[in-house]
Amino acid sequence: MNRRDFLLTGGMFSIALVFQSTSWLLFKPDSLEVESQGRLYRGTSDGKVLVSVDAGKSWQLHTDFGPIYVVRNMGKNLQGRVLARLKFNEHSFELTLGQNGKTWRTI
């Protein structure tokens, strides 16, 4: 393998890792609402995620992470799954909604 091929392969591998591991690229700045599969999801500052099936006319509690967490952003990944960025003290982490639409998993 020559230097050019090595750099080309390494660059493509790096880009693949960036897109796979940086879901924050899919968050809109300061967006607390996201639509996915006909449902609208909204995050709150007291750690709740609400869901609406009627375009925001009424809301139901989907998940309550607790008042010590703040939902900072909501977004979608490339597969259309809901993403949530939560803050706890000075730390933040991201979760994705599972295929069943009920459980959250860390990214």
C-alpha atoms as a PDB file:
ATOM      1  CA  MET A   1       0.000   0.000   0.000  1.00  0.00           C
ATOM      2  CA  ASN A   2       1.471   3.346  -0.954  1.00  0.00           C
ATOM      3  CA  ARG A   3       1.171   6.568   1.041  1.00  0.00           C
ATOM      4  CA  ARG A   4      -1.714   7.942  -1.039  1.00  0.00           C
ATOM      5  CA  ASP A   5      -3.815   4.785  -0.589  1.00  0.00           C
ATOM      6  CA  PHE A   6      -3.058   4.749   3.126  1.00  0.00           C
ATOM      7  CA  LEU A   7      -4.165   8.379   3.552  1.00  0.00           C
ATOM      8  CA  LEU A   8      -7.298   7.840   1.472  1.00  0.00           C
ATOM      9  CA  THR A   9      -8.289   4.723   3.439  1.00  0.00           C
ATOM     10  CA  GLY A  10      -7.459   6.361   6.762  1.00  0.00           C
ATOM     11  CA  GLY A  11      -9.487   9.440   5.879  1.00  0.00           C
ATOM     12  CA  MET A  12     -12.530   7.423   4.867  1.00  0.00           C
ATOM     13  CA  PHE A  13     -12.289   5.351   8.049  1.00  0.00           C
ATOM     14  CA  SER A  14     -12.064   8.533  10.138  1.00  0.00           C
ATOM     15  CA  ILE A  15     -15.124  10.022   8.452  1.00  0.00           C
ATOM     16  CA  ALA A  16     -17.087   6.812   9.072  1.00  0.00           C
ATOM     17  CA  LEU A  17     -16.160   6.907  12.763  1.00  0.00           C
ATOM     18  CA  VAL A  18     -17.148  10.550  13.070  1.00  0.00           C
ATOM     19  CA  PHE A  19     -20.573   9.986  11.547  1.00  0.00           C
ATOM     20  CA  GLN A  20     -21.142   6.868  13.608  1.00  0.00           C
ATOM     21  CA  SER A  21     -20.089   8.299  16.946  1.00  0.00           C
ATOM     22  CA  THR A  22     -21.155  11.942  16.783  1.00  0.00           C
ATOM     23  CA  SER A  23     -24.917  11.987  16.920  1.00  0.00           C
ATOM     24  CA  TRP A  24     -24.714  15.576  18.165  1.00  0.00           C
ATOM     25  CA  LEU A  25     -24.392  16.589  14.532  1.00  0.00           C
ATOM     26  CA  LEU A  26     -28.053  15.651  14.129  1.00  0.00           C
ATOM     27  CA  PHE A  27     -29.301  17.897  16.922  1.00  0.00           C
ATOM     28  CA  LYS A  28     -30.667  21.288  16.003  1.00  0.00           C
ATOM     29  CA  PRO A  29     -29.350  23.958  18.367  1.00  0.00           C
ATOM     30  CA  ASP A  30     -31.646  24.426  21.377  1.00  0.00           C
ATOM     31  CA  SER A  31     -34.388  22.278  19.845  1.00  0.00           C
ATOM     32  CA  LEU A  32     -36.596  20.667  22.472  1.00  0.00           C
ATOM     33  CA  GLU A  33     -39.055  19.151  19.997  1.00  0.00           C
ATOM     34  CA  VAL A  34     -38.616  16.523  17.323  1.00  0.00           C
ATOM     35  CA  GLU A  35     -41.023  14.620  15.079  1.00  0.00           C
ATOM     36  CA  SER A  36     -40.526  10.922  14.412  1.00  0.00           C
ATOM     37  CA  GLN A  37     -42.893   8.329  12.963  1.00  0.00           C
ATOM     38  CA  GLY A  38     -45.941  10.559  13.246  1.00  0.00           C
ATOM     39  CA  ARG A  39     -45.267  11.483  16.866  1.00  0.00           C
ATOM     40  CA  LEU A  40     -43.970  14.708  18.310  1.00  0.00           C
ATOM     41  CA  TYR A  41     -41.566  14.479  21.258  1.00  0.00           C
ATOM     42  CA  ARG A  42     -40.798  17.376  23.614  1.00  0.00           C
ATOM     43  CA  GLY A  43     -38.183  17.587  26.344  1.00  0.00           C
ATOM     44  CA  THR A  44     -38.568  19.699  29.490  1.00  0.00           C
ATOM     45  CA  SER A  45     -36.208  21.337  31.945  1.00  0.00           C
ATOM     46  CA  ASP A  46     -37.464  19.101  34.757  1.00  0.00           C
ATOM     47  CA  GLY A  47     -36.354  15.852  33.102  1.00  0.00           C
ATOM     48  CA  LYS A  48     -39.507  14.821  31.300  1.00  0.00           C
ATOM     49  CA  VAL A  49     -40.106  13.740  27.725  1.00  0.00           C
ATOM     50  CA  LEU A  50     -43.655  14.287  26.508  1.00  0.00           C
ATOM     51  CA  VAL A  51     -45.222  12.771  23.393  1.00  0.00           C
ATOM     52  CA  SER A  52     -48.073  13.958  21.185  1.00  0.00           C
ATOM     53  CA  VAL A  53     -49.868  11.960  18.513  1.00  0.00           C
ATOM     54  CA  ASP A  54     -52.076  14.874  17.413  1.00  0.00           C
ATOM     55  CA  ALA A  55     -49.446  17.401  16.246  1.00  0.00           C
ATOM     56  CA  GLY A  56     -49.048  19.022  19.668  1.00  0.00           C
ATOM     57  CA  LYS A  57     -52.709  19.605  20.564  1.00  0.00           C
ATOM     58  CA  SER A  58     -52.378  17.337  23.598  1.00  0.00           C
ATOM     59  CA  TRP A  59     -49.377  15.835  25.371  1.00  0.00           C
ATOM     60  CA  GLN A  60     -48.820  12.685  27.418  1.00  0.00           C
ATOM     61  CA  LEU A  61     -45.892  11.796  29.629  1.00  0.00           C
ATOM     62  CA  HIS A  62     -43.547   9.426  27.801  1.00  0.00           C
ATOM     63  CA  THR A  63     -40.599   9.316  30.229  1.00  0.00           C
ATOM     64  CA  ASP A  64     -39.732  10.982  33.519  1.00  0.00           C
ATOM     65  CA  PHE A  65     -35.965  10.921  34.078  1.00  0.00           C
ATOM     66  CA  GLY A  66     -36.391  12.881  37.312  1.00  0.00           C
ATOM     67  CA  PRO A  67     -36.022  16.527  38.346  1.00  0.00           C
ATOM     68  CA  ILE A  68     -32.232  16.275  38.702  1.00  0.00           C
ATOM     69  CA  TYR A  69     -31.904  15.912  34.902  1.00  0.00           C
ATOM     70  CA  VAL A  70     -32.491  18.589  32.268  1.00  0.00           C
ATOM     71  CA  VAL A  71     -33.436  17.663  28.709  1.00  0.00           C
ATOM     72  CA  ARG A  72     -31.127  19.968  26.724  1.00  0.00           C
ATOM     73  CA  ASN A  73     -31.900  18.931  23.136  1.00  0.00           C
ATOM     74  CA  MET A  74     -34.049  16.572  21.126  1.00  0.00           C
ATOM     75  CA  GLY A  75     -33.130  15.291  17.657  1.00  0.00           C
ATOM     76  CA  LYS A  76     -33.155  12.324  15.279  1.00  0.00           C
ATOM     77  CA  ASN A  77     -30.446  10.022  14.012  1.00  0.00           C
ATOM     78  CA  LEU A  78     -30.053   8.917  10.398  1.00  0.00           C
ATOM     79  CA  GLN A  79     -32.486   6.036  10.957  1.00  0.00           C
ATOM     80  CA  GLY A  80     -35.155   8.425  12.260  1.00  0.00           C
ATOM     81  CA  ARG A  81     -34.859   7.367  15.906  1.00  0.00           C
ATOM     82  CA  VAL A  82     -35.386   9.975  18.595  1.00  0.00           C
ATOM     83  CA  LEU A  83     -32.298  11.280  20.389  1.00  0.00           C
ATOM     84  CA  ALA A  84     -32.235  13.150  23.689  1.00  0.00           C
ATOM     85  CA  ARG A  85     -29.324  15.023  25.227  1.00  0.00           C
ATOM     86  CA  LEU A  86     -29.640  15.216  29.005  1.00  0.00           C
ATOM     87  CA  LYS A  87     -27.663  17.210  31.531  1.00  0.00           C
ATOM     88  CA  PHE A  88     -26.847  16.125  35.065  1.00  0.00           C
ATOM     89  CA  ASN A  89     -24.846  18.636  37.134  1.00  0.00           C
ATOM     90  CA  GLU A  90     -21.957  19.585  34.832  1.00  0.00           C
ATOM     91  CA  HIS A  91     -22.149  16.412  32.729  1.00  0.00           C
ATOM     92  CA  SER A  92     -24.225  15.672  29.658  1.00  0.00           C
ATOM     93  CA  PHE A  93     -25.009  12.429  27.857  1.00  0.00           C
ATOM     94  CA  GLU A  94     -27.099  11.276  24.935  1.00  0.00           C
ATOM     95  CA  LEU A  95     -29.799   8.655  24.733  1.00  0.00           C
ATOM     96  CA  THR A  96     -31.627   7.107  21.815  1.00  0.00           C
ATOM     97  CA  LEU A  97     -35.158   5.775  21.910  1.00  0.00           C
ATOM     98  CA  GLY A  98     -35.267   2.037  21.218  1.00  0.00           C
ATOM     99  CA  GLN A  99     -37.162   0.431  18.349  1.00  0.00           C
ATOM    100  CA  ASN A 100     -39.979  -0.475  20.713  1.00  0.00           C
ATOM    101  CA  GLY A 101     -40.565   3.260  21.306  1.00  0.00           C
ATOM    102  CA  LYS A 102     -40.407   2.880  25.083  1.00  0.00           C
ATOM    103  CA  THR A 103     -36.866   2.240  26.327  1.00  0.00           C
ATOM    104  CA  TRP A 104     -33.896   4.607  26.159  1.00  0.00           C
ATOM    105  CA  ARG A 105     -30.313   3.532  25.562  1.00  0.00           C
ATOM    106  CA  THR A 106     -27.021   5.365  25.796  1.00  0.00           C
ATOM    107  CA  ILE A 107     -25.265   6.183  22.568  1.00  0.00           C
END
